[in-house]
Amino acid sequence: MYDEFVSRLSVDERRLHDERMAQQVAIGGEPGDPTRDLAPVLVFLAGEGSRFVTGQLIAVTGGLGSTR
């Protein structure tokens, strides 16, 4: 879905998009990959290691919106 959106941007729109993403996402400046970035968190939460974790909000955002 995201790749389809980006593919429709003009060269100037893509440049602006990339600049804004770099400003907003502190780690890498691009959207994360669910398999690489979210799956390990889900594996942890589903495993024995998280048996004492309750009521937590775990933000897997790559620093989206954080200040540098």
PDB file of N, CA and C in Angstrom:
ATOM      1  N   MET A   1       0.829  -1.184   0.000  1.00  0.00           N
ATOM      2  CA  MET A   1       0.000   0.000   0.000  1.00  0.00           C
ATOM      3  C   MET A   1       0.880   1.257   0.000  1.00  0.00           C
ATOM      4  N   TYR A   2       1.849   1.293   0.911  1.00  0.00           N
ATOM      5  CA  TYR A   2       2.743   2.449   0.980  1.00  0.00           C
ATOM      6  C   TYR A   2       3.568   2.578  -0.292  1.00  0.00           C
ATOM      7  N   ASP A   3       4.121   1.455  -0.770  1.00  0.00           N
ATOM      8  CA  ASP A   3       4.933   1.484  -1.987  1.00  0.00           C
ATOM      9  C   ASP A   3       4.120   1.965  -3.186  1.00  0.00           C
ATOM     10  N   GLU A   4       2.864   1.566  -3.232  1.00  0.00           N
ATOM     11  CA  GLU A   4       1.989   2.013  -4.319  1.00  0.00           C
ATOM     12  C   GLU A   4       1.788   3.525  -4.258  1.00  0.00           C
ATOM     13  N   PHE A   5       1.580   4.046  -3.045  1.00  0.00           N
ATOM     14  CA  PHE A   5       1.418   5.491  -2.858  1.00  0.00           C
ATOM     15  C   PHE A   5       2.669   6.228  -3.328  1.00  0.00           C
ATOM     16  N   VAL A   6       3.820   5.779  -2.884  1.00  0.00           N
ATOM     17  CA  VAL A   6       5.077   6.454  -3.219  1.00  0.00           C
ATOM     18  C   VAL A   6       5.345   6.385  -4.718  1.00  0.00           C
ATOM     19  N   SER A   7       4.975   5.283  -5.349  1.00  0.00           N
ATOM     20  CA  SER A   7       5.238   5.135  -6.782  1.00  0.00           C
ATOM     21  C   SER A   7       4.453   6.138  -7.627  1.00  0.00           C
ATOM     22  N   ARG A   8       3.368   6.673  -7.087  1.00  0.00           N
ATOM     23  CA  ARG A   8       2.560   7.641  -7.832  1.00  0.00           C
ATOM     24  C   ARG A   8       3.053   9.079  -7.662  1.00  0.00           C
ATOM     25  N   LEU A   9       4.025   9.312  -6.809  1.00  0.00           N
ATOM     26  CA  LEU A   9       4.528  10.665  -6.576  1.00  0.00           C
ATOM     27  C   LEU A   9       5.443  11.114  -7.706  1.00  0.00           C
ATOM     28  N   SER A  10       5.403  12.404  -7.978  1.00  0.00           N
ATOM     29  CA  SER A  10       6.350  12.968  -8.951  1.00  0.00           C
ATOM     30  C   SER A  10       7.728  13.036  -8.289  1.00  0.00           C
ATOM     31  N   VAL A  11       8.741  13.352  -9.069  1.00  0.00           N
ATOM     32  CA  VAL A  11      10.097  13.448  -8.539  1.00  0.00           C
ATOM     33  C   VAL A  11      10.160  14.483  -7.423  1.00  0.00           C
ATOM     34  N   ASP A  12       9.555  15.650  -7.631  1.00  0.00           N
ATOM     35  CA  ASP A  12       9.572  16.704  -6.608  1.00  0.00           C
ATOM     36  C   ASP A  12       8.773  16.292  -5.375  1.00  0.00           C
ATOM     37  N   GLU A  13       7.620  15.647  -5.588  1.00  0.00           N
ATOM     38  CA  GLU A  13       6.818  15.184  -4.448  1.00  0.00           C
ATOM     39  C   GLU A  13       7.572  14.120  -3.659  1.00  0.00           C
ATOM     40  N   ARG A  14       8.271  13.245  -4.348  1.00  0.00           N
ATOM     41  CA  ARG A  14       9.043  12.186  -3.676  1.00  0.00           C
ATOM     42  C   ARG A  14      10.171  12.790  -2.846  1.00  0.00           C
ATOM     43  N   ARG A  15      10.856  13.796  -3.401  1.00  0.00           N
ATOM     44  CA  ARG A  15      11.931  14.467  -2.668  1.00  0.00           C
ATOM     45  C   ARG A  15      11.386  15.101  -1.386  1.00  0.00           C
ATOM     46  N   LEU A  16      10.270  15.808  -1.499  1.00  0.00           N
ATOM     47  CA  LEU A  16       9.649  16.436  -0.336  1.00  0.00           C
ATOM     48  C   LEU A  16       9.188  15.385   0.671  1.00  0.00           C
ATOM     49  N   HIS A  17       8.587  14.324   0.176  1.00  0.00           N
ATOM     50  CA  HIS A  17       8.143  13.227   1.042  1.00  0.00           C
ATOM     51  C   HIS A  17       9.316  12.644   1.817  1.00  0.00           C
ATOM     52  N   ASP A  18      10.420  12.358   1.117  1.00  0.00           N
ATOM     53  CA  ASP A  18      11.599  11.778   1.762  1.00  0.00           C
ATOM     54  C   ASP A  18      12.193  12.713   2.810  1.00  0.00           C
ATOM     55  N   GLU A  19      12.218  14.012   2.510  1.00  0.00           N
ATOM     56  CA  GLU A  19      12.725  14.986   3.486  1.00  0.00           C
ATOM     57  C   GLU A  19      11.863  14.998   4.740  1.00  0.00           C
ATOM     58  N   ARG A  20      10.552  14.991   4.565  1.00  0.00           N
ATOM     59  CA  ARG A  20       9.641  15.005   5.715  1.00  0.00           C
ATOM     60  C   ARG A  20       9.755  13.718   6.531  1.00  0.00           C
ATOM     61  N   MET A  21       9.870  12.594   5.854  1.00  0.00           N
ATOM     62  CA  MET A  21      10.015  11.323   6.563  1.00  0.00           C
ATOM     63  C   MET A  21      11.300  11.324   7.395  1.00  0.00           C
ATOM     64  N   ALA A  22      12.375  11.854   6.825  1.00  0.00           N
ATOM     65  CA  ALA A  22      13.645  11.919   7.548  1.00  0.00           C
ATOM     66  C   ALA A  22      13.521  12.791   8.788  1.00  0.00           C
ATOM     67  N   GLN A  23      12.682  13.820   8.736  1.00  0.00           N
ATOM     68  CA  GLN A  23      12.478  14.698   9.888  1.00  0.00           C
ATOM     69  C   GLN A  23      11.606  14.030  10.945  1.00  0.00           C
ATOM     70  N   GLN A  24      10.665  13.200  10.524  1.00  0.00           N
ATOM     71  CA  GLN A  24       9.684  12.644  11.453  1.00  0.00           C
ATOM     72  C   GLN A  24      10.068  11.292  12.032  1.00  0.00           C
ATOM     73  N   VAL A  25      10.801  10.469  11.292  1.00  0.00           N
ATOM     74  CA  VAL A  25      11.157   9.132  11.772  1.00  0.00           C
ATOM     75  C   VAL A  25      12.631   9.134  12.140  1.00  0.00           C
ATOM     76  N   ALA A  26      12.890   9.123  13.432  1.00  0.00           N
ATOM     77  CA  ALA A  26      14.253   9.280  13.930  1.00  0.00           C
ATOM     78  C   ALA A  26      15.185   8.143  13.514  1.00  0.00           C
ATOM     79  N   ILE A  27      14.680   6.922  13.423  1.00  0.00           N
ATOM     80  CA  ILE A  27      15.527   5.778  13.093  1.00  0.00           C
ATOM     81  C   ILE A  27      15.361   5.445  11.618  1.00  0.00           C
ATOM     82  N   GLY A  28      16.267   5.913  10.810  1.00  0.00           N
ATOM     83  CA  GLY A  28      16.279   5.555   9.397  1.00  0.00           C
ATOM     84  C   GLY A  28      15.500   6.456   8.469  1.00  0.00           C
ATOM     85  N   GLY A  29      14.580   7.255   8.965  1.00  0.00           N
ATOM     86  CA  GLY A  29      13.841   8.178   8.110  1.00  0.00           C
ATOM     87  C   GLY A  29      12.887   7.532   7.134  1.00  0.00           C
ATOM     88  N   GLU A  30      12.473   6.305   7.402  1.00  0.00           N
ATOM     89  CA  GLU A  30      11.530   5.627   6.515  1.00  0.00           C
ATOM     90  C   GLU A  30      10.633   4.705   7.337  1.00  0.00           C
ATOM     91  N   PRO A  31       9.504   4.315   6.762  1.00  0.00           N
ATOM     92  CA  PRO A  31       8.612   3.421   7.505  1.00  0.00           C
ATOM     93  C   PRO A  31       9.306   2.102   7.818  1.00  0.00           C
ATOM     94  N   GLY A  32       8.912   1.521   8.912  1.00  0.00           N
ATOM     95  CA  GLY A  32       9.490   0.241   9.287  1.00  0.00           C
ATOM     96  C   GLY A  32       8.922  -0.906   8.473  1.00  0.00           C
ATOM     97  N   ASP A  33       9.579  -2.031   8.586  1.00  0.00           N
ATOM     98  CA  ASP A  33       9.141  -3.256   7.926  1.00  0.00           C
ATOM     99  C   ASP A  33       8.491  -4.142   8.995  1.00  0.00           C
ATOM    100  N   PRO A  34       7.233  -4.535   8.820  1.00  0.00           N
ATOM    101  CA  PRO A  34       6.549  -5.314   9.859  1.00  0.00           C
ATOM    102  C   PRO A  34       7.284  -6.591  10.245  1.00  0.00           C
ATOM    103  N   THR A  35       7.838  -7.286   9.264  1.00  0.00           N
ATOM    104  CA  THR A  35       8.530  -8.538   9.561  1.00  0.00           C
ATOM    105  C   THR A  35       9.810  -8.287  10.344  1.00  0.00           C
ATOM    106  N   ARG A  36      10.565  -7.304   9.946  1.00  0.00           N
ATOM    107  CA  ARG A  36      11.854  -7.026  10.578  1.00  0.00           C
ATOM    108  C   ARG A  36      11.711  -6.251  11.890  1.00  0.00           C
ATOM    109  N   ASP A  37      10.745  -5.328  11.959  1.00  0.00           N
ATOM    110  CA  ASP A  37      10.685  -4.404  13.083  1.00  0.00           C
ATOM    111  C   ASP A  37       9.600  -4.718  14.117  1.00  0.00           C
ATOM    112  N   LEU A  38       8.495  -5.284  13.697  1.00  0.00           N
ATOM    113  CA  LEU A  38       7.396  -5.559  14.619  1.00  0.00           C
ATOM    114  C   LEU A  38       7.369  -7.008  15.088  1.00  0.00           C
ATOM    115  N   ALA A  39       7.678  -7.929  14.198  1.00  0.00           N
ATOM    116  CA  ALA A  39       7.599  -9.357  14.540  1.00  0.00           C
ATOM    117  C   ALA A  39       8.416  -9.730  15.778  1.00  0.00           C
ATOM    118  N   PRO A  40       9.658  -9.247  15.949  1.00  0.00           N
ATOM    119  CA  PRO A  40      10.399  -9.620  17.154  1.00  0.00           C
ATOM    120  C   PRO A  40       9.707  -9.181  18.446  1.00  0.00           C
ATOM    121  N   VAL A  41       9.030  -8.043  18.415  1.00  0.00           N
ATOM    122  CA  VAL A  41       8.296  -7.574  19.591  1.00  0.00           C
ATOM    123  C   VAL A  41       7.129  -8.515  19.875  1.00  0.00           C
ATOM    124  N   LEU A  42       6.429  -8.917  18.821  1.00  0.00           N
ATOM    125  CA  LEU A  42       5.301  -9.832  18.996  1.00  0.00           C
ATOM    126  C   LEU A  42       5.757 -11.195  19.497  1.00  0.00           C
ATOM    127  N   VAL A  43       6.888 -11.678  18.997  1.00  0.00           N
ATOM    128  CA  VAL A  43       7.437 -12.950  19.474  1.00  0.00           C
ATOM    129  C   VAL A  43       7.761 -12.851  20.954  1.00  0.00           C
ATOM    130  N   PHE A  44       8.373 -11.751  21.361  1.00  0.00           N
ATOM    131  CA  PHE A  44       8.673 -11.553  22.778  1.00  0.00           C
ATOM    132  C   PHE A  44       7.397 -11.559  23.609  1.00  0.00           C
ATOM    133  N   LEU A  45       6.401 -10.784  23.175  1.00  0.00           N
ATOM    134  CA  LEU A  45       5.162 -10.686  23.944  1.00  0.00           C
ATOM    135  C   LEU A  45       4.415 -12.018  24.017  1.00  0.00           C
ATOM    136  N   ALA A  46       4.562 -12.844  23.003  1.00  0.00           N
ATOM    137  CA  ALA A  46       3.890 -14.146  22.994  1.00  0.00           C
ATOM    138  C   ALA A  46       4.674 -15.208  23.763  1.00  0.00           C
ATOM    139  N   GLY A  47       5.903 -14.907  24.120  1.00  0.00           N
ATOM    140  CA  GLY A  47       6.760 -15.901  24.759  1.00  0.00           C
ATOM    141  C   GLY A  47       6.784 -15.805  26.277  1.00  0.00           C
ATOM    142  N   GLU A  48       7.497 -16.740  26.855  1.00  0.00           N
ATOM    143  CA  GLU A  48       7.611 -16.848  28.310  1.00  0.00           C
ATOM    144  C   GLU A  48       8.312 -15.629  28.923  1.00  0.00           C
ATOM    145  N   GLY A  49       9.194 -15.002  28.163  1.00  0.00           N
ATOM    146  CA  GLY A  49       9.935 -13.855  28.677  1.00  0.00           C
ATOM    147  C   GLY A  49       9.067 -12.676  29.064  1.00  0.00           C
ATOM    148  N   SER A  50       7.859 -12.617  28.539  1.00  0.00           N
ATOM    149  CA  SER A  50       6.982 -11.489  28.847  1.00  0.00           C
ATOM    150  C   SER A  50       5.889 -11.853  29.850  1.00  0.00           C
ATOM    151  N   ARG A  51       6.053 -12.967  30.550  1.00  0.00           N
ATOM    152  CA  ARG A  51       4.981 -13.457  31.423  1.00  0.00           C
ATOM    153  C   ARG A  51       4.591 -12.468  32.514  1.00  0.00           C
ATOM    154  N   PHE A  52       5.468 -11.548  32.846  1.00  0.00           N
ATOM    155  CA  PHE A  52       5.173 -10.593  33.912  1.00  0.00           C
ATOM    156  C   PHE A  52       4.877  -9.198  33.361  1.00  0.00           C
ATOM    157  N   VAL A  53       4.753  -9.075  32.056  1.00  0.00           N
ATOM    158  CA  VAL A  53       4.436  -7.795  31.419  1.00  0.00           C
ATOM    159  C   VAL A  53       2.916  -7.676  31.340  1.00  0.00           C
ATOM    160  N   THR A  54       2.394  -6.614  31.916  1.00  0.00           N
ATOM    161  CA  THR A  54       0.945  -6.390  31.869  1.00  0.00           C
ATOM    162  C   THR A  54       0.658  -4.925  31.601  1.00  0.00           C
ATOM    163  N   GLY A  55      -0.396  -4.667  30.860  1.00  0.00           N
ATOM    164  CA  GLY A  55      -0.904  -3.314  30.664  1.00  0.00           C
ATOM    165  C   GLY A  55       0.087  -2.313  30.117  1.00  0.00           C
ATOM    166  N   GLN A  56       0.919  -2.724  29.179  1.00  0.00           N
ATOM    167  CA  GLN A  56       1.917  -1.810  28.637  1.00  0.00           C
ATOM    168  C   GLN A  56       1.571  -1.403  27.212  1.00  0.00           C
ATOM    169  N   LEU A  57       1.933  -0.190  26.879  1.00  0.00           N
ATOM    170  CA  LEU A  57       1.844   0.292  25.512  1.00  0.00           C
ATOM    171  C   LEU A  57       3.273   0.320  24.987  1.00  0.00           C
ATOM    172  N   ILE A  58       3.549  -0.513  24.020  1.00  0.00           N
ATOM    173  CA  ILE A  58       4.894  -0.589  23.462  1.00  0.00           C
ATOM    174  C   ILE A  58       4.853   0.040  22.075  1.00  0.00           C
ATOM    175  N   ALA A  59       5.424   1.201  21.962  1.00  0.00           N
ATOM    176  CA  ALA A  59       5.406   1.946  20.691  1.00  0.00           C
ATOM    177  C   ALA A  59       6.547   1.446  19.802  1.00  0.00           C
ATOM    178  N   VAL A  60       6.200   0.806  18.714  1.00  0.00           N
ATOM    179  CA  VAL A  60       7.173   0.359  17.727  1.00  0.00           C
ATOM    180  C   VAL A  60       7.050   1.315  16.557  1.00  0.00           C
ATOM    181  N   THR A  61       7.663   2.487  16.698  1.00  0.00           N
ATOM    182  CA  THR A  61       7.466   3.567  15.733  1.00  0.00           C
ATOM    183  C   THR A  61       8.742   4.061  15.074  1.00  0.00           C
ATOM    184  N   GLY A  62       9.879   3.538  15.468  1.00  0.00           N
ATOM    185  CA  GLY A  62      11.133   4.039  14.899  1.00  0.00           C
ATOM    186  C   GLY A  62      11.407   5.472  15.311  1.00  0.00           C
ATOM    187  N   GLY A  63      10.732   5.935  16.334  1.00  0.00           N
ATOM    188  CA  GLY A  63      10.905   7.300  16.801  1.00  0.00           C
ATOM    189  C   GLY A  63      10.009   8.295  16.083  1.00  0.00           C
ATOM    190  N   LEU A  64       8.989   7.808  15.373  1.00  0.00           N
ATOM    191  CA  LEU A  64       8.092   8.689  14.638  1.00  0.00           C
ATOM    192  C   LEU A  64       7.561   9.784  15.550  1.00  0.00           C
ATOM    193  N   GLY A  65       7.773  11.016  15.144  1.00  0.00           N
ATOM    194  CA  GLY A  65       7.284  12.155  15.899  1.00  0.00           C
ATOM    195  C   GLY A  65       8.141  12.561  17.088  1.00  0.00           C
ATOM    196  N   SER A  66       9.204  11.822  17.368  1.00  0.00           N
ATOM    197  CA  SER A  66      10.061  12.202  18.489  1.00  0.00           C
ATOM    198  C   SER A  66      10.962  13.353  18.067  1.00  0.00           C
ATOM    199  N   THR A  67      11.441  14.083  19.023  1.00  0.00           N
ATOM    200  CA  THR A  67      12.380  15.166  18.709  1.00  0.00           C
ATOM    201  C   THR A  67      13.788  14.635  18.806  1.00  0.00           C
ATOM    202  N   ARG A  68      14.617  15.122  17.923  1.00  0.00           N
ATOM    203  CA  ARG A  68      16.009  14.651  17.923  1.00  0.00           C
ATOM    204  C   ARG A  68      16.862  15.528  18.779  1.00  0.00           C
TER     205      ARG A  68
END
